[in-house]
Amino acid sequence: MLVIDCPYCGPRDQSEFSNGGEAHVKRPDGSQDISDREWGEYVFIRSNPKGLFYERWVHSHGCRKWFNCVRDTSTDEILEIYKLDDPQPPLKKFENKIKTPSGEPDVGSGNFTVKK
């Protein structure tokens, strides 16, 4: 069970929340003048990293407020939760905290992390 610490209500079960996708995606300037391809990339294309990731969440079965978090996608560990108005924390702040699911310190694809 994943517990998410809502910045408004406190710790709650993950089942009360809905993921809103990647956080801090900036709308293109002059969006009325961009091509269909560029608009499609803005709407649909998102990064999908293994490791640290900024996400938006909504407490859909609670206070219904949105917030952001930094989550390690390789372990599902939420490293920081912050309100939408709070500044985006730099990822360097969390580099020493990330681990792979089996506990190794480096997050990699597997084959490349064991080369000697």
PDB file of N, CA and C in Angstrom:
ATOM      1  N   MET A   1       0.836  -1.172   0.000  1.00  0.00           N
ATOM      2  CA  MET A   1       0.000   0.000   0.000  1.00  0.00           C
ATOM      3  C   MET A   1       0.888   1.244   0.000  1.00  0.00           C
ATOM      4  N   LEU A   2       0.596   2.160  -0.894  1.00  0.00           N
ATOM      5  CA  LEU A   2       1.318   3.419  -0.970  1.00  0.00           C
ATOM      6  C   LEU A   2       0.519   4.479  -0.220  1.00  0.00           C
ATOM      7  N   VAL A   3       1.177   5.152   0.696  1.00  0.00           N
ATOM      8  CA  VAL A   3       0.543   6.231   1.450  1.00  0.00           C
ATOM      9  C   VAL A   3       1.075   7.550   0.899  1.00  0.00           C
ATOM     10  N   ILE A   4       0.169   8.441   0.542  1.00  0.00           N
ATOM     11  CA  ILE A   4       0.533   9.752   0.019  1.00  0.00           C
ATOM     12  C   ILE A   4       0.171  10.790   1.069  1.00  0.00           C
ATOM     13  N   ASP A   5       1.135  11.649   1.370  1.00  0.00           N
ATOM     14  CA  ASP A   5       0.945  12.673   2.397  1.00  0.00           C
ATOM     15  C   ASP A   5       0.394  13.940   1.744  1.00  0.00           C
ATOM     16  N   CYS A   6      -0.923  14.052   1.694  1.00  0.00           N
ATOM     17  CA  CYS A   6      -1.578  15.226   1.098  1.00  0.00           C
ATOM     18  C   CYS A   6      -1.128  16.472   1.865  1.00  0.00           C
ATOM     19  N   PRO A   7      -0.651  17.509   1.171  1.00  0.00           N
ATOM     20  CA  PRO A   7      -0.205  18.710   1.889  1.00  0.00           C
ATOM     21  C   PRO A   7      -1.347  19.471   2.560  1.00  0.00           C
ATOM     22  N   TYR A   8      -2.584  19.088   2.281  1.00  0.00           N
ATOM     23  CA  TYR A   8      -3.749  19.759   2.864  1.00  0.00           C
ATOM     24  C   TYR A   8      -4.437  18.906   3.933  1.00  0.00           C
ATOM     25  N   CYS A   9      -4.448  17.562   3.753  1.00  0.00           N
ATOM     26  CA  CYS A   9      -5.209  16.664   4.640  1.00  0.00           C
ATOM     27  C   CYS A   9      -4.339  15.718   5.461  1.00  0.00           C
ATOM     28  N   GLY A  10      -3.071  15.565   5.095  1.00  0.00           N
ATOM     29  CA  GLY A  10      -2.207  14.616   5.776  1.00  0.00           C
ATOM     30  C   GLY A  10      -2.168  13.276   5.067  1.00  0.00           C
ATOM     31  N   PRO A  11      -1.534  12.261   5.680  1.00  0.00           N
ATOM     32  CA  PRO A  11      -1.347  10.957   5.036  1.00  0.00           C
ATOM     33  C   PRO A  11      -2.666  10.249   4.741  1.00  0.00           C
ATOM     34  N   ARG A  12      -2.781   9.739   3.504  1.00  0.00           N
ATOM     35  CA  ARG A  12      -3.964   8.995   3.071  1.00  0.00           C
ATOM     36  C   ARG A  12      -3.525   7.880   2.136  1.00  0.00           C
ATOM     37  N   ASP A  13      -4.371   6.866   1.980  1.00  0.00           N
ATOM     38  CA  ASP A  13      -4.109   5.752   1.080  1.00  0.00           C
ATOM     39  C   ASP A  13      -4.119   6.234  -0.376  1.00  0.00           C
ATOM     40  N   GLN A  14      -3.281   5.622  -1.197  1.00  0.00           N
ATOM     41  CA  GLN A  14      -3.167   5.996  -2.606  1.00  0.00           C
ATOM     42  C   GLN A  14      -4.507   5.925  -3.342  1.00  0.00           C
ATOM     43  N   SER A  15      -5.397   5.052  -2.900  1.00  0.00           N
ATOM     44  CA  SER A  15      -6.682   4.888  -3.585  1.00  0.00           C
ATOM     45  C   SER A  15      -7.528   6.166  -3.571  1.00  0.00           C
ATOM     46  N   GLU A  16      -7.201   7.124  -2.697  1.00  0.00           N
ATOM     47  CA  GLU A  16      -7.934   8.387  -2.635  1.00  0.00           C
ATOM     48  C   GLU A  16      -7.441   9.409  -3.657  1.00  0.00           C
ATOM     49  N   PHE A  17      -6.348   9.106  -4.369  1.00  0.00           N
ATOM     50  CA  PHE A  17      -5.699  10.075  -5.249  1.00  0.00           C
ATOM     51  C   PHE A  17      -5.747   9.626  -6.705  1.00  0.00           C
ATOM     52  N   SER A  18      -5.607  10.587  -7.598  1.00  0.00           N
ATOM     53  CA  SER A  18      -5.475  10.313  -9.031  1.00  0.00           C
ATOM     54  C   SER A  18      -4.230  11.026  -9.537  1.00  0.00           C
ATOM     55  N   ASN A  19      -3.467  10.323 -10.367  1.00  0.00           N
ATOM     56  CA  ASN A  19      -2.257  10.893 -10.941  1.00  0.00           C
ATOM     57  C   ASN A  19      -2.636  11.805 -12.095  1.00  0.00           C
ATOM     58  N   GLY A  20      -2.048  12.993 -12.124  1.00  0.00           N
ATOM     59  CA  GLY A  20      -2.337  13.963 -13.178  1.00  0.00           C
ATOM     60  C   GLY A  20      -1.237  14.084 -14.201  1.00  0.00           C
ATOM     61  N   GLY A  21      -0.257  13.177 -14.166  1.00  0.00           N
ATOM     62  CA  GLY A  21       0.800  13.200 -15.169  1.00  0.00           C
ATOM     63  C   GLY A  21       1.970  14.077 -14.774  1.00  0.00           C
ATOM     64  N   GLU A  22       2.779  14.361 -15.769  1.00  0.00           N
ATOM     65  CA  GLU A  22       4.009  15.121 -15.564  1.00  0.00           C
ATOM     66  C   GLU A  22       3.704  16.550 -15.113  1.00  0.00           C
ATOM     67  N   ALA A  23       4.442  17.014 -14.124  1.00  0.00           N
ATOM     68  CA  ALA A  23       4.273  18.380 -13.615  1.00  0.00           C
ATOM     69  C   ALA A  23       5.203  19.337 -14.352  1.00  0.00           C
ATOM     70  N   HIS A  24       4.901  20.599 -14.261  1.00  0.00           N
ATOM     71  CA  HIS A  24       5.730  21.689 -14.788  1.00  0.00           C
ATOM     72  C   HIS A  24       5.878  21.643 -16.311  1.00  0.00           C
ATOM     73  N   VAL A  25       4.837  21.208 -17.013  1.00  0.00           N
ATOM     74  CA  VAL A  25       4.838  21.229 -18.475  1.00  0.00           C
ATOM     75  C   VAL A  25       4.355  22.613 -18.897  1.00  0.00           C
ATOM     76  N   LYS A  26       5.203  23.329 -19.621  1.00  0.00           N
ATOM     77  CA  LYS A  26       4.887  24.709 -20.003  1.00  0.00           C
ATOM     78  C   LYS A  26       4.144  24.733 -21.334  1.00  0.00           C
ATOM     79  N   ARG A  27       3.050  25.465 -21.363  1.00  0.00           N
ATOM     80  CA  ARG A  27       2.288  25.653 -22.599  1.00  0.00           C
ATOM     81  C   ARG A  27       3.153  26.449 -23.576  1.00  0.00           C
ATOM     82  N   PRO A  28       3.188  26.050 -24.857  1.00  0.00           N
ATOM     83  CA  PRO A  28       4.028  26.764 -25.827  1.00  0.00           C
ATOM     84  C   PRO A  28       3.587  28.216 -26.006  1.00  0.00           C
ATOM     85  N   ASP A  29       4.562  29.111 -26.156  1.00  0.00           N
ATOM     86  CA  ASP A  29       4.254  30.511 -26.446  1.00  0.00           C
ATOM     87  C   ASP A  29       3.630  30.607 -27.829  1.00  0.00           C
ATOM     88  N   GLY A  30       2.686  31.501 -27.992  1.00  0.00           N
ATOM     89  CA  GLY A  30       2.029  31.678 -29.285  1.00  0.00           C
ATOM     90  C   GLY A  30       1.315  30.423 -29.739  1.00  0.00           C
ATOM     91  N   SER A  31       0.644  29.740 -28.805  1.00  0.00           N
ATOM     92  CA  SER A  31       0.044  28.438 -29.120  1.00  0.00           C
ATOM     93  C   SER A  31      -1.013  28.514 -30.212  1.00  0.00           C
ATOM     94  N   GLN A  32      -1.575  29.696 -30.466  1.00  0.00           N
ATOM     95  CA  GLN A  32      -2.552  29.814 -31.546  1.00  0.00           C
ATOM     96  C   GLN A  32      -1.879  29.724 -32.917  1.00  0.00           C
ATOM     97  N   ASP A  33      -0.547  29.888 -32.963  1.00  0.00           N
ATOM     98  CA  ASP A  33       0.175  29.877 -34.236  1.00  0.00           C
ATOM     99  C   ASP A  33       0.993  28.614 -34.467  1.00  0.00           C
ATOM    100  N   ILE A  34       0.975  27.652 -33.556  1.00  0.00           N
ATOM    101  CA  ILE A  34       1.819  26.471 -33.740  1.00  0.00           C
ATOM    102  C   ILE A  34       1.117  25.439 -34.619  1.00  0.00           C
ATOM    103  N   SER A  35       1.914  24.535 -35.177  1.00  0.00           N
ATOM    104  CA  SER A  35       1.373  23.514 -36.077  1.00  0.00           C
ATOM    105  C   SER A  35       0.618  22.440 -35.291  1.00  0.00           C
ATOM    106  N   ASP A  36      -0.158  21.646 -36.018  1.00  0.00           N
ATOM    107  CA  ASP A  36      -0.873  20.534 -35.384  1.00  0.00           C
ATOM    108  C   ASP A  36       0.109  19.560 -34.746  1.00  0.00           C
ATOM    109  N   ARG A  37       1.229  19.326 -35.418  1.00  0.00           N
ATOM    110  CA  ARG A  37       2.238  18.407 -34.881  1.00  0.00           C
ATOM    111  C   ARG A  37       2.795  18.931 -33.551  1.00  0.00           C
ATOM    112  N   GLU A  38       3.147  20.219 -33.512  1.00  0.00           N
ATOM    113  CA  GLU A  38       3.678  20.813 -32.282  1.00  0.00           C
ATOM    114  C   GLU A  38       2.636  20.785 -31.162  1.00  0.00           C
ATOM    115  N   TRP A  39       1.378  21.051 -31.506  1.00  0.00           N
ATOM    116  CA  TRP A  39       0.320  21.017 -30.498  1.00  0.00           C
ATOM    117  C   TRP A  39       0.133  19.596 -29.974  1.00  0.00           C
ATOM    118  N   GLY A  40       0.165  18.613 -30.877  1.00  0.00           N
ATOM    119  CA  GLY A  40       0.043  17.215 -30.477  1.00  0.00           C
ATOM    120  C   GLY A  40       1.160  16.789 -29.542  1.00  0.00           C
ATOM    121  N   GLU A  41       2.383  17.245 -29.825  1.00  0.00           N
ATOM    122  CA  GLU A  41       3.512  16.921 -28.949  1.00  0.00           C
ATOM    123  C   GLU A  41       3.325  17.549 -27.569  1.00  0.00           C
ATOM    124  N   TYR A  42       2.814  18.785 -27.529  1.00  0.00           N
ATOM    125  CA  TYR A  42       2.577  19.431 -26.237  1.00  0.00           C
ATOM    126  C   TYR A  42       1.504  18.684 -25.440  1.00  0.00           C
ATOM    127  N   VAL A  43       0.441  18.266 -26.103  1.00  0.00           N
ATOM    128  CA  VAL A  43      -0.683  17.629 -25.417  1.00  0.00           C
ATOM    129  C   VAL A  43      -0.364  16.196 -24.999  1.00  0.00           C
ATOM    130  N   PHE A  44       0.302  15.424 -25.875  1.00  0.00           N
ATOM    131  CA  PHE A  44       0.415  13.984 -25.652  1.00  0.00           C
ATOM    132  C   PHE A  44       1.799  13.466 -25.266  1.00  0.00           C
ATOM    133  N   ILE A  45       2.870  14.117 -25.673  1.00  0.00           N
ATOM    134  CA  ILE A  45       4.211  13.569 -25.462  1.00  0.00           C
ATOM    135  C   ILE A  45       4.742  14.012 -24.098  1.00  0.00           C
ATOM    136  N   ARG A  46       5.092  13.041 -23.290  1.00  0.00           N
ATOM    137  CA  ARG A  46       5.651  13.303 -21.964  1.00  0.00           C
ATOM    138  C   ARG A  46       6.876  12.420 -21.763  1.00  0.00           C
ATOM    139  N   SER A  47       7.763  12.855 -20.888  1.00  0.00           N
ATOM    140  CA  SER A  47       8.921  12.027 -20.566  1.00  0.00           C
ATOM    141  C   SER A  47       8.468  10.874 -19.675  1.00  0.00           C
ATOM    142  N   ASN A  48       9.217   9.802 -19.702  1.00  0.00           N
ATOM    143  CA  ASN A  48       8.887   8.618 -18.910  1.00  0.00           C
ATOM    144  C   ASN A  48      10.191   8.047 -18.351  1.00  0.00           C
ATOM    145  N   PRO A  49      10.844   8.793 -17.463  1.00  0.00           N
ATOM    146  CA  PRO A  49      12.167   8.370 -17.007  1.00  0.00           C
ATOM    147  C   PRO A  49      12.117   7.247 -15.979  1.00  0.00           C
ATOM    148  N   LYS A  50      13.215   6.535 -15.908  1.00  0.00           N
ATOM    149  CA  LYS A  50      13.429   5.610 -14.796  1.00  0.00           C
ATOM    150  C   LYS A  50      14.258   6.394 -13.789  1.00  0.00           C
ATOM    151  N   GLY A  51      13.648   6.739 -12.684  1.00  0.00           N
ATOM    152  CA  GLY A  51      14.335   7.556 -11.690  1.00  0.00           C
ATOM    153  C   GLY A  51      13.454   8.696 -11.229  1.00  0.00           C
ATOM    154  N   LEU A  52      14.055   9.843 -10.996  1.00  0.00           N
ATOM    155  CA  LEU A  52      13.339  10.983 -10.431  1.00  0.00           C
ATOM    156  C   LEU A  52      12.422  11.634 -11.459  1.00  0.00           C
ATOM    157  N   PHE A  53      11.208  11.997 -11.004  1.00  0.00           N
ATOM    158  CA  PHE A  53      10.194  12.519 -11.912  1.00  0.00           C
ATOM    159  C   PHE A  53       9.279  13.466 -11.154  1.00  0.00           C
ATOM    160  N   TYR A  54       8.980  14.615 -11.752  1.00  0.00           N
ATOM    161  CA  TYR A  54       8.005  15.556 -11.191  1.00  0.00           C
ATOM    162  C   TYR A  54       6.611  15.139 -11.652  1.00  0.00           C
ATOM    163  N   GLU A  55       5.674  14.991 -10.711  1.00  0.00           N
ATOM    164  CA  GLU A  55       4.307  14.576 -11.044  1.00  0.00           C
ATOM    165  C   GLU A  55       3.281  15.490 -10.396  1.00  0.00           C
ATOM    166  N   ARG A  56       2.090  15.523 -11.005  1.00  0.00           N
ATOM    167  CA  ARG A  56       0.928  16.213 -10.427  1.00  0.00           C
ATOM    168  C   ARG A  56      -0.014  15.142  -9.894  1.00  0.00           C
ATOM    169  N   TRP A  57      -0.617  15.407  -8.747  1.00  0.00           N
ATOM    170  CA  TRP A  57      -1.603  14.505  -8.163  1.00  0.00           C
ATOM    171  C   TRP A  57      -2.784  15.333  -7.686  1.00  0.00           C
ATOM    172  N   VAL A  58      -3.950  14.711  -7.633  1.00  0.00           N
ATOM    173  CA  VAL A  58      -5.137  15.358  -7.085  1.00  0.00           C
ATOM    174  C   VAL A  58      -5.740  14.427  -6.038  1.00  0.00           C
ATOM    175  N   HIS A  59      -6.149  14.991  -4.916  1.00  0.00           N
ATOM    176  CA  HIS A  59      -6.798  14.213  -3.856  1.00  0.00           C
ATOM    177  C   HIS A  59      -8.273  14.102  -4.237  1.00  0.00           C
ATOM    178  N   SER A  60      -8.560  13.238  -5.199  1.00  0.00           N
ATOM    179  CA  SER A  60      -9.888  13.157  -5.825  1.00  0.00           C
ATOM    180  C   SER A  60     -10.977  12.652  -4.892  1.00  0.00           C
ATOM    181  N   HIS A  61     -10.632  11.858  -3.890  1.00  0.00           N
ATOM    182  CA  HIS A  61     -11.628  11.366  -2.931  1.00  0.00           C
ATOM    183  C   HIS A  61     -11.367  11.959  -1.553  1.00  0.00           C
ATOM    184  N   GLY A  62     -10.999  13.229  -1.542  1.00  0.00           N
ATOM    185  CA  GLY A  62     -10.720  13.938  -0.297  1.00  0.00           C
ATOM    186  C   GLY A  62     -10.980  15.414  -0.506  1.00  0.00           C
ATOM    187  N   CYS A  63      -9.945  16.222  -0.340  1.00  0.00           N
ATOM    188  CA  CYS A  63     -10.103  17.679  -0.436  1.00  0.00           C
ATOM    189  C   CYS A  63     -10.214  18.177  -1.878  1.00  0.00           C
ATOM    190  N   ARG A  64      -9.907  17.316  -2.847  1.00  0.00           N
ATOM    191  CA  ARG A  64      -9.979  17.621  -4.289  1.00  0.00           C
ATOM    192  C   ARG A  64      -8.996  18.704  -4.713  1.00  0.00           C
ATOM    193  N   LYS A  65      -7.924  18.862  -3.987  1.00  0.00           N
ATOM    194  CA  LYS A  65      -6.910  19.858  -4.340  1.00  0.00           C
ATOM    195  C   LYS A  65      -5.736  19.185  -5.045  1.00  0.00           C
ATOM    196  N   TRP A  66      -5.117  19.938  -5.948  1.00  0.00           N
ATOM    197  CA  TRP A  66      -3.956  19.472  -6.702  1.00  0.00           C
ATOM    198  C   TRP A  66      -2.676  19.815  -5.961  1.00  0.00           C
ATOM    199  N   PHE A  67      -1.636  18.994  -6.166  1.00  0.00           N
ATOM    200  CA  PHE A  67      -0.306  19.253  -5.630  1.00  0.00           C
ATOM    201  C   PHE A  67       0.708  18.546  -6.521  1.00  0.00           C
ATOM    202  N   ASN A  68       1.970  18.864  -6.325  1.00  0.00           N
ATOM    203  CA  ASN A  68       3.060  18.239  -7.074  1.00  0.00           C
ATOM    204  C   ASN A  68       3.885  17.366  -6.146  1.00  0.00           C
ATOM    205  N   CYS A  69       4.630  16.452  -6.750  1.00  0.00           N
ATOM    206  CA  CYS A  69       5.560  15.645  -5.962  1.00  0.00           C
ATOM    207  C   CYS A  69       6.764  15.264  -6.808  1.00  0.00           C
ATOM    208  N   VAL A  70       7.822  14.856  -6.121  1.00  0.00           N
ATOM    209  CA  VAL A  70       8.986  14.251  -6.757  1.00  0.00           C
ATOM    210  C   VAL A  70       8.930  12.782  -6.383  1.00  0.00           C
ATOM    211  N   ARG A  71       8.862  11.913  -7.410  1.00  0.00           N
ATOM    212  CA  ARG A  71       8.748  10.476  -7.157  1.00  0.00           C
ATOM    213  C   ARG A  71       9.855   9.747  -7.897  1.00  0.00           C
ATOM    214  N   ASP A  72      10.418   8.727  -7.264  1.00  0.00           N
ATOM    215  CA  ASP A  72      11.390   7.844  -7.902  1.00  0.00           C
ATOM    216  C   ASP A  72      10.591   6.747  -8.593  1.00  0.00           C
ATOM    217  N   THR A  73      10.546   6.773  -9.921  1.00  0.00           N
ATOM    218  CA  THR A  73       9.713   5.824 -10.659  1.00  0.00           C
ATOM    219  C   THR A  73      10.241   4.399 -10.595  1.00  0.00           C
ATOM    220  N   SER A  74      11.505   4.211 -10.232  1.00  0.00           N
ATOM    221  CA  SER A  74      12.038   2.849 -10.150  1.00  0.00           C
ATOM    222  C   SER A  74      11.651   2.149  -8.850  1.00  0.00           C
ATOM    223  N   THR A  75      11.283   2.905  -7.825  1.00  0.00           N
ATOM    224  CA  THR A  75      10.902   2.303  -6.541  1.00  0.00           C
ATOM    225  C   THR A  75       9.511   2.727  -6.072  1.00  0.00           C
ATOM    226  N   ASP A  76       8.898   3.682  -6.736  1.00  0.00           N
ATOM    227  CA  ASP A  76       7.609   4.281  -6.360  1.00  0.00           C
ATOM    228  C   ASP A  76       7.699   5.132  -5.096  1.00  0.00           C
ATOM    229  N   GLU A  77       8.887   5.391  -4.601  1.00  0.00           N
ATOM    230  CA  GLU A  77       9.043   6.203  -3.392  1.00  0.00           C
ATOM    231  C   GLU A  77       8.793   7.678  -3.710  1.00  0.00           C
ATOM    232  N   ILE A  78       7.938   8.303  -2.933  1.00  0.00           N
ATOM    233  CA  ILE A  78       7.697   9.740  -3.065  1.00  0.00           C
ATOM    234  C   ILE A  78       8.690  10.451  -2.153  1.00  0.00           C
ATOM    235  N   LEU A  79       9.548  11.286  -2.755  1.00  0.00           N
ATOM    236  CA  LEU A  79      10.620  11.932  -2.013  1.00  0.00           C
ATOM    237  C   LEU A  79      10.225  13.293  -1.455  1.00  0.00           C
ATOM    238  N   GLU A  80       9.341  13.994  -2.147  1.00  0.00           N
ATOM    239  CA  GLU A  80       8.871  15.288  -1.637  1.00  0.00           C
ATOM    240  C   GLU A  80       7.516  15.606  -2.254  1.00  0.00           C
ATOM    241  N   ILE A  81       6.657  16.199  -1.450  1.00  0.00           N
ATOM    242  CA  ILE A  81       5.341  16.661  -1.897  1.00  0.00           C
ATOM    243  C   ILE A  81       5.287  18.158  -1.624  1.00  0.00           C
ATOM    244  N   TYR A  82       4.810  18.912  -2.607  1.00  0.00           N
ATOM    245  CA  TYR A  82       4.740  20.357  -2.438  1.00  0.00           C
ATOM    246  C   TYR A  82       3.518  20.923  -3.158  1.00  0.00           C
ATOM    247  N   LYS A  83       3.006  22.034  -2.641  1.00  0.00           N
ATOM    248  CA  LYS A  83       1.822  22.679  -3.213  1.00  0.00           C
ATOM    249  C   LYS A  83       2.168  23.307  -4.564  1.00  0.00           C
ATOM    250  N   LEU A  84       1.156  23.541  -5.376  1.00  0.00           N
ATOM    251  CA  LEU A  84       1.362  24.094  -6.713  1.00  0.00           C
ATOM    252  C   LEU A  84       2.054  25.451  -6.677  1.00  0.00           C
ATOM    253  N   ASP A  85       1.817  26.233  -5.633  1.00  0.00           N
ATOM    254  CA  ASP A  85       2.424  27.564  -5.520  1.00  0.00           C
ATOM    255  C   ASP A  85       3.860  27.526  -5.008  1.00  0.00           C
ATOM    256  N   ASP A  86       4.291  26.403  -4.457  1.00  0.00           N
ATOM    257  CA  ASP A  86       5.647  26.288  -3.926  1.00  0.00           C
ATOM    258  C   ASP A  86       6.646  26.137  -5.068  1.00  0.00           C
ATOM    259  N   PRO A  87       7.900  26.572  -4.863  1.00  0.00           N
ATOM    260  CA  PRO A  87       8.898  26.436  -5.926  1.00  0.00           C
ATOM    261  C   PRO A  87       9.230  24.969  -6.210  1.00  0.00           C
ATOM    262  N   GLN A  88       9.585  24.707  -7.440  1.00  0.00           N
ATOM    263  CA  GLN A  88       9.971  23.362  -7.875  1.00  0.00           C
ATOM    264  C   GLN A  88      11.328  23.021  -7.259  1.00  0.00           C
ATOM    265  N   PRO A  89      11.424  21.945  -6.462  1.00  0.00           N
ATOM    266  CA  PRO A  89      12.713  21.598  -5.862  1.00  0.00           C
ATOM    267  C   PRO A  89      13.667  21.043  -6.923  1.00  0.00           C
ATOM    268  N   PRO A  90      14.957  21.377  -6.838  1.00  0.00           N
ATOM    269  CA  PRO A  90      15.910  20.842  -7.819  1.00  0.00           C
ATOM    270  C   PRO A  90      16.116  19.340  -7.607  1.00  0.00           C
ATOM    271  N   LEU A  91      16.234  18.583  -8.707  1.00  0.00           N
ATOM    272  CA  LEU A  91      16.416  17.129  -8.600  1.00  0.00           C
ATOM    273  C   LEU A  91      17.735  16.766  -7.932  1.00  0.00           C
ATOM    274  N   LYS A  92      18.743  17.641  -8.014  1.00  0.00           N
ATOM    275  CA  LYS A  92      20.031  17.358  -7.368  1.00  0.00           C
ATOM    276  C   LYS A  92      19.869  17.140  -5.866  1.00  0.00           C
ATOM    277  N   LYS A  93      18.849  17.741  -5.289  1.00  0.00           N
ATOM    278  CA  LYS A  93      18.575  17.597  -3.858  1.00  0.00           C
ATOM    279  C   LYS A  93      18.331  16.134  -3.478  1.00  0.00           C
ATOM    280  N   PHE A  94      17.885  15.306  -4.440  1.00  0.00           N
ATOM    281  CA  PHE A  94      17.478  13.934  -4.150  1.00  0.00           C
ATOM    282  C   PHE A  94      18.422  12.876  -4.704  1.00  0.00           C
ATOM    283  N   GLU A  95      19.494  13.275  -5.390  1.00  0.00           N
ATOM    284  CA  GLU A  95      20.351  12.304  -6.069  1.00  0.00           C
ATOM    285  C   GLU A  95      20.932  11.247  -5.148  1.00  0.00           C
ATOM    286  N   ASN A  96      21.243  11.591  -3.911  1.00  0.00           N
ATOM    287  CA  ASN A  96      21.824  10.616  -2.986  1.00  0.00           C
ATOM    288  C   ASN A  96      20.782   9.712  -2.343  1.00  0.00           C
ATOM    289  N   LYS A  97      19.497   9.993  -2.568  1.00  0.00           N
ATOM    290  CA  LYS A  97      18.431   9.213  -1.941  1.00  0.00           C
ATOM    291  C   LYS A  97      17.874   8.123  -2.843  1.00  0.00           C
ATOM    292  N   ILE A  98      18.171   8.156  -4.146  1.00  0.00           N
ATOM    293  CA  ILE A  98      17.538   7.192  -5.044  1.00  0.00           C
ATOM    294  C   ILE A  98      18.246   5.848  -4.988  1.00  0.00           C
ATOM    295  N   LYS A  99      17.466   4.791  -5.091  1.00  0.00           N
ATOM    296  CA  LYS A  99      17.963   3.417  -5.083  1.00  0.00           C
ATOM    297  C   LYS A  99      17.166   2.621  -6.096  1.00  0.00           C
ATOM    298  N   THR A 100      17.740   1.538  -6.549  1.00  0.00           N
ATOM    299  CA  THR A 100      16.997   0.642  -7.420  1.00  0.00           C
ATOM    300  C   THR A 100      16.119  -0.249  -6.551  1.00  0.00           C
ATOM    301  N   PRO A 101      15.136  -0.950  -7.135  1.00  0.00           N
ATOM    302  CA  PRO A 101      14.273  -1.817  -6.332  1.00  0.00           C
ATOM    303  C   PRO A 101      15.031  -2.861  -5.515  1.00  0.00           C
ATOM    304  N   SER A 102      16.207  -3.292  -6.004  1.00  0.00           N
ATOM    305  CA  SER A 102      16.958  -4.293  -5.248  1.00  0.00           C
ATOM    306  C   SER A 102      17.946  -3.663  -4.274  1.00  0.00           C
ATOM    307  N   GLY A 103      17.977  -2.338  -4.204  1.00  0.00           N
ATOM    308  CA  GLY A 103      18.781  -1.670  -3.195  1.00  0.00           C
ATOM    309  C   GLY A 103      20.109  -1.122  -3.660  1.00  0.00           C
ATOM    310  N   GLU A 104      20.502  -1.357  -4.925  1.00  0.00           N
ATOM    311  CA  GLU A 104      21.765  -0.801  -5.396  1.00  0.00           C
ATOM    312  C   GLU A 104      21.662   0.716  -5.442  1.00  0.00           C
ATOM    313  N   PRO A 105      22.769   1.429  -5.262  1.00  0.00           N
ATOM    314  CA  PRO A 105      22.686   2.886  -5.242  1.00  0.00           C
ATOM    315  C   PRO A 105      22.428   3.527  -6.601  1.00  0.00           C
ATOM    316  N   ASP A 106      22.864   2.925  -7.711  1.00  0.00           N
ATOM    317  CA  ASP A 106      22.721   3.539  -9.029  1.00  0.00           C
ATOM    318  C   ASP A 106      21.476   3.041  -9.732  1.00  0.00           C
ATOM    319  N   VAL A 107      20.750   3.950 -10.344  1.00  0.00           N
ATOM    320  CA  VAL A 107      19.594   3.582 -11.144  1.00  0.00           C
ATOM    321  C   VAL A 107      20.070   3.505 -12.586  1.00  0.00           C
ATOM    322  N   GLY A 108      19.927   2.349 -13.199  1.00  0.00           N
ATOM    323  CA  GLY A 108      20.342   2.159 -14.581  1.00  0.00           C
ATOM    324  C   GLY A 108      19.497   1.104 -15.233  1.00  0.00           C
ATOM    325  N   SER A 109      19.873   0.712 -16.443  1.00  0.00           N
ATOM    326  CA  SER A 109      19.056  -0.252 -17.174  1.00  0.00           C
ATOM    327  C   SER A 109      19.376  -1.690 -16.799  1.00  0.00           C
ATOM    328  N   GLY A 110      20.339  -1.915 -15.945  1.00  0.00           N
ATOM    329  CA  GLY A 110      20.690  -3.274 -15.551  1.00  0.00           C
ATOM    330  C   GLY A 110      21.982  -3.714 -16.203  1.00  0.00           C
ATOM    331  N   ASN A 111      21.974  -3.893 -17.507  1.00  0.00           N
ATOM    332  CA  ASN A 111      23.156  -4.374 -18.216  1.00  0.00           C
ATOM    333  C   ASN A 111      24.322  -3.403 -18.125  1.00  0.00           C
ATOM    334  N   PHE A 112      24.039  -2.119 -18.175  1.00  0.00           N
ATOM    335  CA  PHE A 112      25.107  -1.139 -18.212  1.00  0.00           C
ATOM    336  C   PHE A 112      25.650  -0.801 -16.831  1.00  0.00           C
ATOM    337  N   THR A 113      24.935  -1.128 -15.786  1.00  0.00           N
ATOM    338  CA  THR A 113      25.400  -0.776 -14.447  1.00  0.00           C
ATOM    339  C   THR A 113      26.357  -1.809 -13.872  1.00  0.00           C
ATOM    340  N   VAL A 114      26.437  -2.998 -14.481  1.00  0.00           N
ATOM    341  CA  VAL A 114      27.313  -4.033 -13.939  1.00  0.00           C
ATOM    342  C   VAL A 114      28.612  -4.173 -14.716  1.00  0.00           C
ATOM    343  N   LYS A 115      28.827  -3.382 -15.755  1.00  0.00           N
ATOM    344  CA  LYS A 115      30.084  -3.446 -16.505  1.00  0.00           C
ATOM    345  C   LYS A 115      31.236  -3.054 -15.604  1.00  0.00           C
ATOM    346  N   LYS A 116      32.346  -3.761 -15.760  1.00  0.00           N
ATOM    347  CA  LYS A 116      33.534  -3.463 -14.948  1.00  0.00           C
ATOM    348  C   LYS A 116      34.693  -3.080 -15.816  1.00  0.00           C
TER     349      LYS A 116
END
